[in-house]
Amino acid sequence: MTSSSSFSERSRTWALCVLPLLLLVLAALRPLALPDEGRYAEVGRWMLMSGDWLTPRLDGIPFFHKPPLLHWLEASAMAVLGVTPWASRLVVALHVFLMWALLWACARHIAGLAVANRAAWMLGSSLAFLMGGQYVNHDMMVATWMGVGIWCFARALMHADGVHAGWARAGFIACALAVLSKGLIGLLLPGFVLCLWVTWTWQWRKVWALPWFSGVLLFAAVALPWFVLAAREHPDMLAYMFGKHQFGRYTATTFNNARPWWFYGLAVTVLMFPWVFLVLASAWRSLRHRLTALNVGADVGVGADPRWTALCWIWLIAILGFFSIPNSKLIGYALPVVPPLALLAALWWQRHVTPRAWGERVFAIVVGLNVALAVGGHVAAERFTQKHSSMDVAAVLACQARPSDVVAAVDEYPYDLPFYAQVTRPLEVIQDWDTLRQTSGDNWRRELFEGADFDAQAGRSLVPLTRLESLKQTPRAWVVAPNTSGTLTAQNHAGFELVFAGRAWNLYQSNAVASGASASTSSASSASAKSPEAAEQKGLRGCKDQGKK
């Protein structure tokens, strides 16, 4: 490599910094998406507010669908940066930065700086990075730590001077963090990929040289304490988390998000468009030449050891195959395969396109179009979220409600309202719970009443429909209801005053007057909210008055 070309590659490396900066900017410009971001951001906020770092809680109710690493990190970020969507998204963003940086480092080790830069641009300009990397849920976290585990163990086994104990121990810790991110798949899937790869490449003798004793101790020290302590506090928690929400979701057909077997082909196309087509071209070329998996590198090699390209193919096929089996499928489950996809695509491009005079111009154009696509997707997601968010109602509630006031939700649950309104006590959730326990499917209602089974005291916030009548007699009681509510509507809300009509939710207050309060004040307040426009002006004036105080 000449000094000028080396300088060019170093310039491309520094230019990569624009991608994480863009991600951080985008993460600050979008409201919480529903239901996932509202749910998980609120669990983190509640953990910080309550000081209960052992039991994740939603509306004060235990929430044991997933382990707590996301919530711990969210609560820590909010403690430093404030309770904002950006603070909760920073946790996910830092994980995708780790995935991206480790891909660059491993690609450089495998095939050189040019391929590393290429792979980093491909992943960094994708929807997986620019949108998936700012979406608050567990998927990016577990994808990152599984990837770290696979890379670390592979680096340990492929070390030139024999098995590298340091890389291996880092792999054990990464798998422990993956388990704390989303459960057993954090250990099972890296193990599955590595077992297939070791078998394919005849490296089992090296496996026995891994630092098993110290590695297992490190894994146990990181992964197990929370499960032991949480199970002591809530004895049925392990069966619920692992039995129902992991093994049950994998084997049953009664959960949401049923998709056909080919769903993940479409998912990776969306997440890694258009680079995934380079990987398909590589696969087609390899099949056409009837190459074995060990010789895949002969087509895309650029100096890469064929065992590394074999790892990428096995990583890709094994994980997509595993997640294609269950009936329930989500696009986030495809995130673990984006690092090997990016590396395979970069290797193919470097071999077949880079030598052409027009290669760099085309690459820059495609990266630019990809970034524009991600920004456009961000704008579309923001507009869609705004239509369903309770953020506007939460702003009025935060200005006018007192910490001691009762706040209730009827018909639906506004996941983002407690977060935006910064409520300090659980919302009362009004439903026909006796019937719902028999008829409810895989939805938020089951999420709440199953969590309440772990804490009867917290479950007292799940109240029957008759609670509406008593709230009418409760001074300063607030009720939020969706605009489509059949129980409480803008036209039929006797006993309640319409305070604010939002985009998706309405906010009501009981007409009951506290002892010693002026009846005329209540009457004037009711008259000021005859229309949504008047209600909105009332809410805004209340915010301004509170700000002056």
Protein backbone atom coordinates (compact mmCIF):
# COMPACT_ATOMS: atom_id res chain seq x y z
CA MET A 1 0.00 0.00 0.00
CA THR A 2 1.42 3.38 -0.94
CA SER A 3 1.65 6.23 1.54
CA SER A 4 -1.08 8.16 -0.31
CA SER A 5 -3.49 5.22 -0.29
CA SER A 6 -2.67 4.61 3.38
CA PHE A 7 -3.46 8.24 4.14
CA SER A 8 -6.71 7.85 2.23
CA GLU A 9 -7.74 4.84 4.32
CA ARG A 10 -6.86 6.67 7.55
CA SER A 11 -9.03 9.57 6.38
CA ARG A 12 -11.91 7.18 5.76
CA THR A 13 -11.43 5.78 9.25
CA TRP A 14 -11.74 9.23 10.86
CA ALA A 15 -14.72 10.05 8.63
CA LEU A 16 -16.55 7.09 10.17
CA CYS A 17 -17.06 9.21 13.31
CA VAL A 18 -19.92 11.02 11.56
CA LEU A 19 -22.10 7.91 11.81
CA PRO A 20 -22.34 7.62 15.63
CA LEU A 21 -22.79 11.39 15.86
CA LEU A 22 -25.70 11.20 13.43
CA LEU A 23 -27.22 8.37 15.46
CA LEU A 24 -27.03 10.39 18.68
CA VAL A 25 -28.70 13.37 16.99
CA LEU A 26 -31.51 11.25 15.58
CA ALA A 27 -32.05 9.61 18.96
CA ALA A 28 -32.81 13.02 20.49
CA LEU A 29 -35.46 14.01 17.94
CA ARG A 30 -38.11 11.32 18.24
CA PRO A 31 -40.75 10.65 20.93
CA LEU A 32 -40.94 7.25 22.58
CA ALA A 33 -42.34 4.65 20.18
CA LEU A 34 -45.19 2.53 21.49
CA PRO A 35 -45.46 0.12 23.05
CA ASP A 36 -41.84 -1.04 23.42
CA GLU A 37 -39.99 2.21 24.08
CA GLY A 38 -42.69 3.54 26.39
CA ARG A 39 -42.66 0.28 28.34
CA TYR A 40 -38.91 -0.20 28.72
CA ALA A 41 -38.05 3.46 29.31
CA GLU A 42 -40.68 3.59 32.05
CA VAL A 43 -39.33 0.44 33.74
CA GLY A 44 -35.92 2.13 33.91
CA ARG A 45 -37.41 5.38 35.23
CA TRP A 46 -39.39 3.54 37.89
CA MET A 47 -36.27 1.67 39.00
CA LEU A 48 -34.43 4.97 39.46
CA MET A 49 -37.35 6.67 41.21
CA SER A 50 -38.22 3.78 43.55
CA GLY A 51 -34.67 2.73 44.37
CA ASP A 52 -35.68 -0.91 43.83
CA TRP A 53 -32.85 -2.23 41.65
CA LEU A 54 -33.77 -5.88 42.21
CA THR A 55 -37.28 -6.07 40.75
CA PRO A 56 -38.03 -4.42 37.39
CA ARG A 57 -41.48 -2.87 37.62
CA LEU A 58 -44.04 -1.48 35.17
CA ASP A 59 -46.61 0.78 36.85
CA GLY A 60 -45.17 -0.48 40.13
CA ILE A 61 -45.98 -4.09 39.17
CA PRO A 62 -43.18 -6.68 38.81
CA PHE A 63 -42.11 -7.12 35.19
CA PHE A 64 -40.18 -10.35 34.69
CA HIS A 65 -40.37 -10.80 30.94
CA LYS A 66 -36.64 -10.09 30.58
CA PRO A 67 -33.57 -9.81 32.85
CA PRO A 68 -32.69 -6.34 34.17
CA LEU A 69 -29.43 -5.21 32.50
CA LEU A 70 -31.24 -2.76 30.19
CA HIS A 71 -33.15 -1.27 33.11
CA TRP A 72 -30.07 -0.95 35.32
CA LEU A 73 -28.21 0.92 32.61
CA GLU A 74 -31.22 3.10 31.77
CA ALA A 75 -31.69 4.07 35.40
CA SER A 76 -27.97 4.89 35.66
CA ALA A 77 -28.07 7.01 32.51
CA MET A 78 -31.16 8.88 33.73
CA ALA A 79 -29.53 9.51 37.10
CA VAL A 80 -26.71 11.33 35.31
CA LEU A 81 -28.46 12.87 32.29
CA GLY A 82 -32.04 13.31 33.48
CA VAL A 83 -35.24 11.43 32.70
CA THR A 84 -35.47 11.88 28.94
CA PRO A 85 -35.99 9.55 25.97
CA TRP A 86 -32.46 10.39 24.84
CA ALA A 87 -30.97 9.15 28.10
CA SER A 88 -32.75 5.82 27.80
CA ARG A 89 -31.74 5.50 24.14
CA LEU A 90 -28.11 6.23 24.96
CA VAL A 91 -27.88 2.75 26.51
CA VAL A 92 -28.84 1.09 23.24
CA ALA A 93 -26.70 3.50 21.22
CA LEU A 94 -23.59 2.65 23.24
CA HIS A 95 -24.22 -1.03 22.60
CA VAL A 96 -24.52 -0.57 18.84
CA PHE A 97 -21.32 1.51 18.96
CA LEU A 98 -19.62 -1.46 20.60
CA MET A 99 -20.97 -3.84 17.95
CA TRP A 100 -19.80 -1.49 15.21
CA ALA A 101 -16.35 -0.81 16.68
CA LEU A 102 -15.65 -4.49 17.34
CA LEU A 103 -16.70 -5.36 13.78
CA TRP A 104 -14.17 -2.79 12.54
CA ALA A 105 -11.41 -4.13 14.80
CA CYS A 106 -12.03 -7.78 13.88
CA ALA A 107 -12.38 -6.98 10.16
CA ARG A 108 -9.06 -5.16 10.29
CA HIS A 109 -7.46 -8.17 11.98
CA ILE A 110 -8.98 -10.55 9.42
CA ALA A 111 -8.61 -8.65 6.14
CA GLY A 112 -6.94 -5.28 6.65
CA LEU A 113 -7.89 -1.62 7.13
CA ALA A 114 -9.63 -1.14 3.77
CA VAL A 115 -12.08 -4.00 4.40
CA ALA A 116 -12.59 -2.84 8.00
CA ASN A 117 -13.54 0.66 6.86
CA ARG A 118 -15.81 -0.77 4.19
CA ALA A 119 -17.63 -3.04 6.66
CA ALA A 120 -18.01 -0.18 9.17
CA TRP A 121 -19.53 2.11 6.52
CA MET A 122 -21.91 -0.65 5.45
CA LEU A 123 -23.13 -1.38 8.96
CA GLY A 124 -23.04 2.27 10.07
CA SER A 125 -25.18 3.51 7.17
CA SER A 126 -27.79 0.76 7.56
CA LEU A 127 -31.21 0.88 9.17
CA ALA A 128 -29.91 -1.69 11.67
CA PHE A 129 -27.46 0.94 12.99
CA LEU A 130 -29.23 4.27 12.47
CA MET A 131 -32.70 3.11 13.54
CA GLY A 132 -32.24 -0.19 15.39
CA GLY A 133 -29.35 1.40 17.30
CA GLN A 134 -31.65 3.95 18.96
CA TYR A 135 -34.71 1.78 19.67
CA VAL A 136 -35.19 1.11 23.38
CA ASN A 137 -35.61 -2.62 23.92
CA HIS A 138 -33.44 -5.64 24.68
CA ASP A 139 -32.77 -6.79 21.11
CA MET A 140 -29.74 -4.66 20.26
CA MET A 141 -28.17 -5.31 23.64
CA VAL A 142 -28.36 -9.09 23.38
CA ALA A 143 -27.27 -8.95 19.72
CA THR A 144 -24.21 -6.93 20.72
CA TRP A 145 -23.12 -9.15 23.60
CA MET A 146 -23.70 -12.34 21.60
CA GLY A 147 -21.55 -10.88 18.84
CA VAL A 148 -18.86 -9.87 21.32
CA GLY A 149 -18.87 -13.40 22.71
CA ILE A 150 -18.53 -15.00 19.26
CA TRP A 151 -15.74 -12.66 18.17
CA CYS A 152 -13.84 -13.12 21.44
CA PHE A 153 -13.95 -16.91 21.43
CA ALA A 154 -13.04 -16.98 17.74
CA ARG A 155 -10.08 -14.67 18.37
CA ALA A 156 -9.01 -16.91 21.25
CA LEU A 157 -9.11 -20.05 19.10
CA MET A 158 -7.50 -18.43 16.05
CA HIS A 159 -4.62 -16.86 17.97
CA ALA A 160 -1.29 -17.54 16.29
CA ASP A 161 0.49 -18.69 19.45
CA GLY A 162 -2.20 -21.08 20.65
CA VAL A 163 -5.42 -20.43 22.55
CA HIS A 164 -5.49 -16.88 23.96
CA ALA A 165 -6.86 -17.04 27.51
CA GLY A 166 -7.62 -13.31 27.71
CA TRP A 167 -9.87 -13.32 24.65
CA ALA A 168 -11.62 -16.43 25.95
CA ARG A 169 -12.29 -14.94 29.37
CA ALA A 170 -13.70 -11.83 27.68
CA GLY A 171 -15.98 -14.18 25.75
CA PHE A 172 -17.31 -15.77 28.95
CA ILE A 173 -18.06 -12.31 30.40
CA ALA A 174 -19.77 -11.23 27.16
CA CYS A 175 -22.04 -14.29 27.25
CA ALA A 176 -22.90 -13.51 30.88
CA LEU A 177 -23.90 -9.96 29.90
CA ALA A 178 -25.94 -11.39 27.01
CA VAL A 179 -27.82 -13.59 29.50
CA LEU A 180 -28.47 -10.54 31.70
CA SER A 181 -29.69 -8.73 28.58
CA LYS A 182 -32.30 -11.20 27.40
CA GLY A 183 -31.95 -14.60 29.00
CA LEU A 184 -30.76 -18.02 27.89
CA ILE A 185 -30.31 -17.19 24.20
CA GLY A 186 -27.36 -15.05 25.27
CA LEU A 187 -25.49 -18.27 26.06
CA LEU A 188 -27.17 -20.82 23.81
CA LEU A 189 -26.81 -19.02 20.48
CA PRO A 190 -23.11 -18.09 20.74
CA GLY A 191 -22.47 -21.65 21.90
CA PHE A 192 -24.47 -23.05 18.98
CA VAL A 193 -22.61 -20.95 16.42
CA LEU A 194 -19.19 -21.71 17.89
CA CYS A 195 -19.85 -25.46 18.18
CA LEU A 196 -20.85 -25.65 14.51
CA TRP A 197 -17.83 -23.57 13.48
CA VAL A 198 -15.35 -25.57 15.58
CA THR A 199 -16.73 -28.80 14.15
CA TRP A 200 -16.58 -27.49 10.57
CA THR A 201 -13.01 -26.22 10.94
CA TRP A 202 -11.69 -29.16 13.01
CA GLN A 203 -10.60 -27.13 16.02
CA TRP A 204 -11.94 -29.25 18.88
CA ARG A 205 -8.46 -29.87 20.28
CA LYS A 206 -8.13 -26.15 20.89
CA VAL A 207 -11.46 -26.05 22.73
CA TRP A 208 -10.10 -28.21 25.53
CA ALA A 209 -7.31 -25.66 26.06
CA LEU A 210 -9.77 -22.84 26.85
CA PRO A 211 -9.60 -21.49 30.43
CA TRP A 212 -12.78 -23.28 31.44
CA PHE A 213 -12.41 -23.04 35.22
CA SER A 214 -11.74 -19.29 35.41
CA GLY A 215 -14.11 -18.62 32.51
CA VAL A 216 -17.06 -20.40 34.10
CA LEU A 217 -16.37 -18.65 37.40
CA LEU A 218 -16.40 -15.27 35.64
CA PHE A 219 -19.64 -16.16 33.83
CA ALA A 220 -21.29 -17.24 37.09
CA ALA A 221 -20.08 -14.18 38.99
CA VAL A 222 -21.59 -11.83 36.41
CA ALA A 223 -24.75 -13.67 35.32
CA LEU A 224 -26.07 -15.55 38.34
CA PRO A 225 -26.36 -13.21 41.37
CA TRP A 226 -29.44 -11.33 40.13
CA PHE A 227 -31.31 -14.52 39.25
CA VAL A 228 -30.57 -15.99 42.70
CA LEU A 229 -31.64 -12.86 44.58
CA ALA A 230 -34.73 -12.23 42.45
CA ALA A 231 -35.84 -15.86 42.75
CA ARG A 232 -35.45 -15.66 46.54
CA GLU A 233 -37.70 -12.58 46.58
CA HIS A 234 -40.17 -13.96 44.00
CA PRO A 235 -40.02 -17.78 44.07
CA ASP A 236 -41.90 -18.41 40.79
CA MET A 237 -39.94 -15.84 38.80
CA LEU A 238 -37.53 -18.25 37.09
CA ALA A 239 -40.29 -20.55 35.87
CA TYR A 240 -42.21 -17.54 34.56
CA MET A 241 -39.26 -15.92 32.77
CA PHE A 242 -37.58 -19.01 31.35
CA GLY A 243 -40.54 -21.37 31.11
CA LYS A 244 -43.22 -19.09 29.71
CA HIS A 245 -41.44 -16.14 28.13
CA GLN A 246 -38.49 -17.99 26.62
CA PHE A 247 -39.17 -21.68 26.07
CA GLY A 248 -42.92 -21.05 25.80
CA ARG A 249 -42.57 -18.28 23.21
CA TYR A 250 -40.21 -20.43 21.18
CA THR A 251 -42.46 -23.48 21.06
CA ALA A 252 -46.03 -22.15 21.31
CA THR A 253 -48.29 -20.74 18.59
CA THR A 254 -50.46 -18.58 20.86
CA PHE A 255 -48.20 -15.51 21.12
CA ASN A 256 -48.35 -12.37 19.00
CA ASN A 257 -46.31 -11.61 15.85
CA ALA A 258 -46.92 -14.83 13.94
CA ARG A 259 -44.88 -14.68 10.73
CA PRO A 260 -44.07 -17.09 7.87
CA TRP A 261 -40.78 -19.03 7.84
CA TRP A 262 -39.19 -16.67 5.28
CA PHE A 263 -39.76 -13.57 7.44
CA TYR A 264 -36.10 -13.14 8.37
CA GLY A 265 -35.04 -13.04 4.76
CA LEU A 266 -37.14 -9.90 4.45
CA ALA A 267 -35.93 -8.64 7.85
CA VAL A 268 -32.23 -8.73 6.99
CA THR A 269 -32.98 -7.16 3.60
CA VAL A 270 -34.58 -4.20 5.39
CA LEU A 271 -31.94 -3.95 8.09
CA MET A 272 -28.92 -4.24 5.77
CA PHE A 273 -30.25 -2.90 2.47
CA PRO A 274 -28.68 -2.94 -0.08
CA TRP A 275 -25.52 -4.66 1.21
CA VAL A 276 -27.34 -7.94 1.80
CA PHE A 277 -27.52 -8.44 -1.98
CA LEU A 278 -23.71 -8.57 -2.11
CA VAL A 279 -23.82 -11.45 0.34
CA LEU A 280 -26.40 -13.20 -1.83
CA ALA A 281 -24.15 -12.66 -4.85
CA SER A 282 -21.27 -14.21 -2.95
CA ALA A 283 -23.40 -17.18 -1.92
CA TRP A 284 -24.61 -17.68 -5.50
CA ARG A 285 -21.07 -17.54 -6.85
CA SER A 286 -19.89 -20.03 -4.27
CA LEU A 287 -22.71 -22.45 -4.96
CA ARG A 288 -22.16 -22.15 -8.67
CA HIS A 289 -18.55 -23.16 -8.28
CA ARG A 290 -19.55 -25.94 -5.87
CA LEU A 291 -17.24 -24.70 -3.16
CA THR A 292 -17.29 -26.14 0.35
CA ALA A 293 -17.97 -23.83 3.29
CA LEU A 294 -14.26 -23.88 4.16
CA ASN A 295 -13.39 -22.54 0.73
CA VAL A 296 -15.95 -19.75 0.63
CA GLY A 297 -13.02 -17.42 1.22
CA ALA A 298 -11.65 -18.30 -2.21
CA ASP A 299 -14.32 -16.06 -3.72
CA VAL A 300 -14.32 -13.20 -1.23
CA GLY A 301 -10.98 -13.70 0.42
CA VAL A 302 -8.89 -10.52 0.00
CA GLY A 303 -6.29 -12.29 2.13
CA ALA A 304 -8.82 -13.52 4.72
CA ASP A 305 -8.32 -16.94 6.32
CA PRO A 306 -11.18 -19.10 5.00
CA ARG A 307 -11.97 -20.14 8.56
CA TRP A 308 -13.08 -16.57 9.28
CA THR A 309 -15.46 -16.49 6.33
CA ALA A 310 -16.74 -19.90 7.41
CA LEU A 311 -17.50 -18.38 10.84
CA CYS A 312 -19.45 -15.55 9.22
CA TRP A 313 -21.56 -17.92 7.12
CA ILE A 314 -22.26 -20.26 10.03
CA TRP A 315 -23.09 -17.29 12.29
CA LEU A 316 -25.54 -15.97 9.71
CA ILE A 317 -27.25 -19.24 8.81
CA ALA A 318 -27.40 -20.76 12.32
CA ILE A 319 -29.00 -17.76 14.02
CA LEU A 320 -31.50 -17.01 11.25
CA GLY A 321 -32.37 -20.70 11.11
CA PHE A 322 -32.87 -20.83 14.88
CA PHE A 323 -35.22 -17.84 14.95
CA SER A 324 -37.14 -19.01 11.87
CA ILE A 325 -38.45 -22.07 13.71
CA PRO A 326 -40.88 -20.43 16.21
CA ASN A 327 -44.23 -19.06 15.10
CA SER A 328 -43.62 -15.66 16.76
CA LYS A 329 -41.01 -13.55 14.94
CA LEU A 330 -39.79 -9.96 15.35
CA ILE A 331 -37.43 -7.97 13.14
CA GLY A 332 -35.15 -7.26 16.12
CA TYR A 333 -34.29 -10.97 16.36
CA ALA A 334 -32.30 -10.58 13.13
CA LEU A 335 -29.94 -7.98 14.63
CA PRO A 336 -27.34 -10.55 15.82
CA VAL A 337 -26.42 -11.38 12.20
CA VAL A 338 -25.67 -7.86 10.94
CA PRO A 339 -21.93 -7.95 11.83
CA PRO A 340 -21.14 -11.07 9.74
CA LEU A 341 -23.37 -9.74 6.95
CA ALA A 342 -21.42 -6.49 6.87
CA LEU A 343 -18.08 -8.29 6.82
CA LEU A 344 -19.11 -10.70 4.04
CA ALA A 345 -20.48 -7.81 1.98
CA ALA A 346 -17.28 -5.78 2.49
CA LEU A 347 -15.09 -8.71 1.46
CA TRP A 348 -17.12 -9.22 -1.72
CA TRP A 349 -17.06 -5.52 -2.59
CA GLN A 350 -13.34 -5.26 -1.98
CA ARG A 351 -12.63 -8.14 -4.34
CA HIS A 352 -15.12 -7.46 -7.14
CA VAL A 353 -15.88 -3.71 -7.15
CA THR A 354 -12.99 -1.81 -5.57
CA PRO A 355 -10.59 -2.52 -8.47
CA ARG A 356 -12.98 -0.77 -10.87
CA ALA A 357 -12.47 2.96 -11.50
CA TRP A 358 -16.06 3.81 -10.60
CA GLY A 359 -16.15 1.68 -7.42
CA GLU A 360 -15.50 4.40 -4.84
CA ARG A 361 -17.98 6.84 -6.38
CA VAL A 362 -20.70 4.22 -6.42
CA PHE A 363 -19.93 3.25 -2.84
CA ALA A 364 -20.18 6.87 -1.65
CA ILE A 365 -23.48 7.34 -3.49
CA VAL A 366 -24.99 4.16 -2.01
CA VAL A 367 -23.87 5.12 1.51
CA GLY A 368 -25.40 8.59 1.05
CA LEU A 369 -28.68 7.16 -0.21
CA ASN A 370 -28.74 4.70 2.68
CA VAL A 371 -28.27 7.48 5.23
CA ALA A 372 -31.02 9.50 3.54
CA LEU A 373 -33.30 6.43 3.72
CA ALA A 374 -32.61 6.08 7.44
CA VAL A 375 -33.33 9.78 8.09
CA GLY A 376 -36.54 9.51 6.07
CA GLY A 377 -37.53 6.43 8.07
CA HIS A 378 -36.85 8.34 11.25
CA VAL A 379 -39.14 11.20 10.17
CA ALA A 380 -41.89 8.74 9.21
CA ALA A 381 -41.56 6.92 12.54
CA GLU A 382 -41.74 10.21 14.42
CA ARG A 383 -44.96 11.25 12.66
CA PHE A 384 -46.54 7.83 13.23
CA THR A 385 -45.59 7.87 16.90
CA GLN A 386 -46.99 11.35 17.41
CA LYS A 387 -50.42 10.11 16.32
CA HIS A 388 -50.51 7.51 19.11
CA SER A 389 -48.48 9.16 21.86
CA SER A 390 -49.91 10.51 25.11
CA MET A 391 -47.05 13.02 25.38
CA ASP A 392 -49.37 16.02 24.91
CA VAL A 393 -51.73 14.81 27.63
CA ALA A 394 -48.79 14.01 29.91
CA ALA A 395 -47.50 17.58 29.57
CA VAL A 396 -50.80 19.01 30.82
CA LEU A 397 -51.04 16.41 33.59
CA ALA A 398 -47.48 17.16 34.75
CA CYS A 399 -48.36 20.87 35.02
CA GLN A 400 -51.71 20.57 36.77
CA ALA A 401 -51.64 17.39 38.86
CA ARG A 402 -50.20 17.15 42.35
CA PRO A 403 -48.00 14.20 43.38
CA SER A 404 -50.74 12.99 45.73
CA ASP A 405 -53.50 13.06 43.07
CA VAL A 406 -55.05 9.83 41.82
CA VAL A 407 -54.38 9.23 38.12
CA ALA A 408 -56.26 6.43 36.37
CA ALA A 409 -56.37 4.98 32.84
CA VAL A 410 -59.41 3.35 31.32
CA ASP A 411 -59.81 1.05 28.28
CA GLU A 412 -56.11 1.13 27.27
CA TYR A 413 -52.78 1.66 28.98
CA PRO A 414 -50.74 4.77 28.01
CA TYR A 415 -47.23 3.32 28.21
CA ASP A 416 -45.46 6.63 27.75
CA LEU A 417 -47.65 8.81 29.99
CA PRO A 418 -46.01 7.93 33.35
CA PHE A 419 -42.59 8.61 31.81
CA TYR A 420 -43.47 12.00 30.32
CA ALA A 421 -45.66 13.11 33.26
CA GLN A 422 -43.04 11.93 35.79
CA VAL A 423 -45.72 10.41 38.00
CA THR A 424 -44.53 9.20 41.39
CA ARG A 425 -47.28 6.71 42.15
CA PRO A 426 -48.73 3.91 39.99
CA LEU A 427 -51.56 4.68 37.61
CA GLU A 428 -54.83 2.98 38.54
CA VAL A 429 -55.71 0.82 35.55
CA ILE A 430 -59.47 0.41 35.19
CA GLN A 431 -60.62 -2.78 33.47
CA ASP A 432 -62.91 -5.76 33.95
CA TRP A 433 -59.99 -7.76 35.33
CA ASP A 434 -61.97 -10.83 36.40
CA THR A 435 -63.14 -11.39 32.84
CA LEU A 436 -59.79 -10.47 31.29
CA ARG A 437 -57.96 -13.09 33.33
CA GLN A 438 -60.02 -15.68 31.47
CA THR A 439 -60.11 -14.14 28.01
CA SER A 440 -57.09 -11.87 27.53
CA GLY A 441 -54.53 -12.82 24.89
CA ASP A 442 -50.86 -11.91 24.60
CA ASN A 443 -51.23 -8.20 25.35
CA TRP A 444 -50.59 -5.48 27.93
CA ARG A 445 -53.46 -6.61 30.13
CA ARG A 446 -51.93 -10.05 30.65
CA GLU A 447 -48.57 -8.36 31.14
CA LEU A 448 -49.97 -6.44 34.10
CA PHE A 449 -52.15 -9.03 35.83
CA GLU A 450 -49.51 -11.76 35.54
CA GLY A 451 -46.98 -9.36 37.06
CA ALA A 452 -49.44 -8.55 39.85
CA ASP A 453 -49.42 -12.23 40.83
CA PHE A 454 -45.86 -11.68 42.12
CA ASP A 455 -46.85 -8.73 44.34
CA ALA A 456 -50.42 -8.50 45.61
CA GLN A 457 -49.81 -5.07 47.12
CA ALA A 458 -48.64 -3.65 43.79
CA GLY A 459 -51.55 -5.40 42.07
CA ARG A 460 -53.99 -3.16 43.92
CA SER A 461 -53.51 -0.60 41.14
CA LEU A 462 -55.51 -2.91 38.84
CA VAL A 463 -59.05 -1.82 39.69
CA PRO A 464 -62.51 -2.81 38.37
CA LEU A 465 -64.80 -0.68 36.23
CA THR A 466 -66.84 0.29 39.29
CA ARG A 467 -63.86 2.41 40.35
CA LEU A 468 -65.00 5.10 37.89
CA GLU A 469 -68.04 5.84 40.06
CA SER A 470 -65.95 6.37 43.19
CA LEU A 471 -63.46 8.53 41.27
CA LYS A 472 -66.31 10.93 40.42
CA GLN A 473 -66.55 11.63 44.14
CA THR A 474 -62.77 11.91 44.64
CA PRO A 475 -61.46 15.50 44.51
CA ARG A 476 -58.68 16.06 41.99
CA ALA A 477 -58.91 12.58 40.49
CA TRP A 478 -57.62 12.37 36.91
CA VAL A 479 -58.60 9.87 34.24
CA VAL A 480 -56.98 9.36 30.84
CA ALA A 481 -58.89 7.55 28.11
CA PRO A 482 -58.15 6.98 24.43
CA ASN A 483 -60.05 9.12 21.95
CA THR A 484 -61.70 5.91 20.76
CA SER A 485 -62.81 4.95 24.27
CA GLY A 486 -66.24 3.44 24.62
CA THR A 487 -66.29 3.91 28.40
CA LEU A 488 -65.43 7.59 28.76
CA THR A 489 -65.88 9.92 25.81
CA ALA A 490 -65.72 13.64 25.12
CA GLN A 491 -69.52 13.58 24.75
CA ASN A 492 -70.39 11.24 27.61
CA HIS A 493 -68.38 11.96 30.75
CA ALA A 494 -70.89 12.86 33.44
CA GLY A 495 -69.10 13.41 36.72
CA PHE A 496 -65.85 14.34 34.97
CA GLU A 497 -64.60 17.50 33.35
CA LEU A 498 -62.80 17.31 30.01
CA VAL A 499 -59.52 19.06 30.73
CA PHE A 500 -57.58 18.34 27.56
CA ALA A 501 -58.32 16.62 24.25
CA GLY A 502 -55.07 15.33 22.82
CA ARG A 503 -54.15 13.69 19.55
CA ALA A 504 -54.78 10.15 20.82
CA TRP A 505 -55.90 10.52 24.45
CA ASN A 506 -58.31 12.67 26.46
CA LEU A 507 -57.65 13.90 29.99
CA TYR A 508 -60.52 14.22 32.47
CA GLN A 509 -60.77 15.46 36.04
CA SER A 510 -63.45 14.62 38.57
CA ASN A 511 -66.04 17.33 39.25
CA ALA A 512 -65.89 16.69 43.00
CA VAL A 513 -64.82 19.75 44.99
CA ALA A 514 -62.37 19.36 47.85
CA SER A 515 -63.50 20.46 51.30
CA GLY A 516 -63.15 24.24 51.61
CA ALA A 517 -62.73 24.80 47.88
CA SER A 518 -64.85 27.31 46.05
CA ALA A 519 -67.71 25.89 44.03
CA SER A 520 -67.46 28.83 41.68
CA THR A 521 -63.86 27.90 40.91
CA SER A 522 -64.96 24.40 39.93
CA SER A 523 -67.77 25.84 37.79
CA ALA A 524 -65.45 28.23 35.99
CA SER A 525 -62.94 25.49 35.42
CA SER A 526 -65.62 23.29 33.86
CA ALA A 527 -66.81 26.08 31.59
CA SER A 528 -63.29 26.71 30.33
CA ALA A 529 -62.99 23.21 28.87
CA LYS A 530 -66.15 22.94 26.80
CA SER A 531 -64.13 22.29 23.66
CA PRO A 532 -60.77 20.62 22.98
CA GLU A 533 -59.36 23.99 21.93
CA ALA A 534 -60.42 25.57 25.22
CA ALA A 535 -59.07 22.58 27.14
CA GLU A 536 -55.71 22.90 25.43
CA GLN A 537 -55.50 26.63 26.21
CA LYS A 538 -56.40 25.89 29.80
CA GLY A 539 -53.65 23.31 30.03
CA LEU A 540 -51.09 25.67 28.50
CA ARG A 541 -52.06 28.50 30.82
CA GLY A 542 -51.70 26.13 33.77
CA CYS A 543 -48.20 25.23 32.64
CA LYS A 544 -47.24 28.88 32.26
CA ASP A 545 -48.66 29.79 35.65
CA GLN A 546 -46.78 26.91 37.26
CA GLY A 547 -43.57 28.04 35.55
CA LYS A 548 -43.99 31.56 36.99
CA LYS A 549 -44.38 30.16 40.47
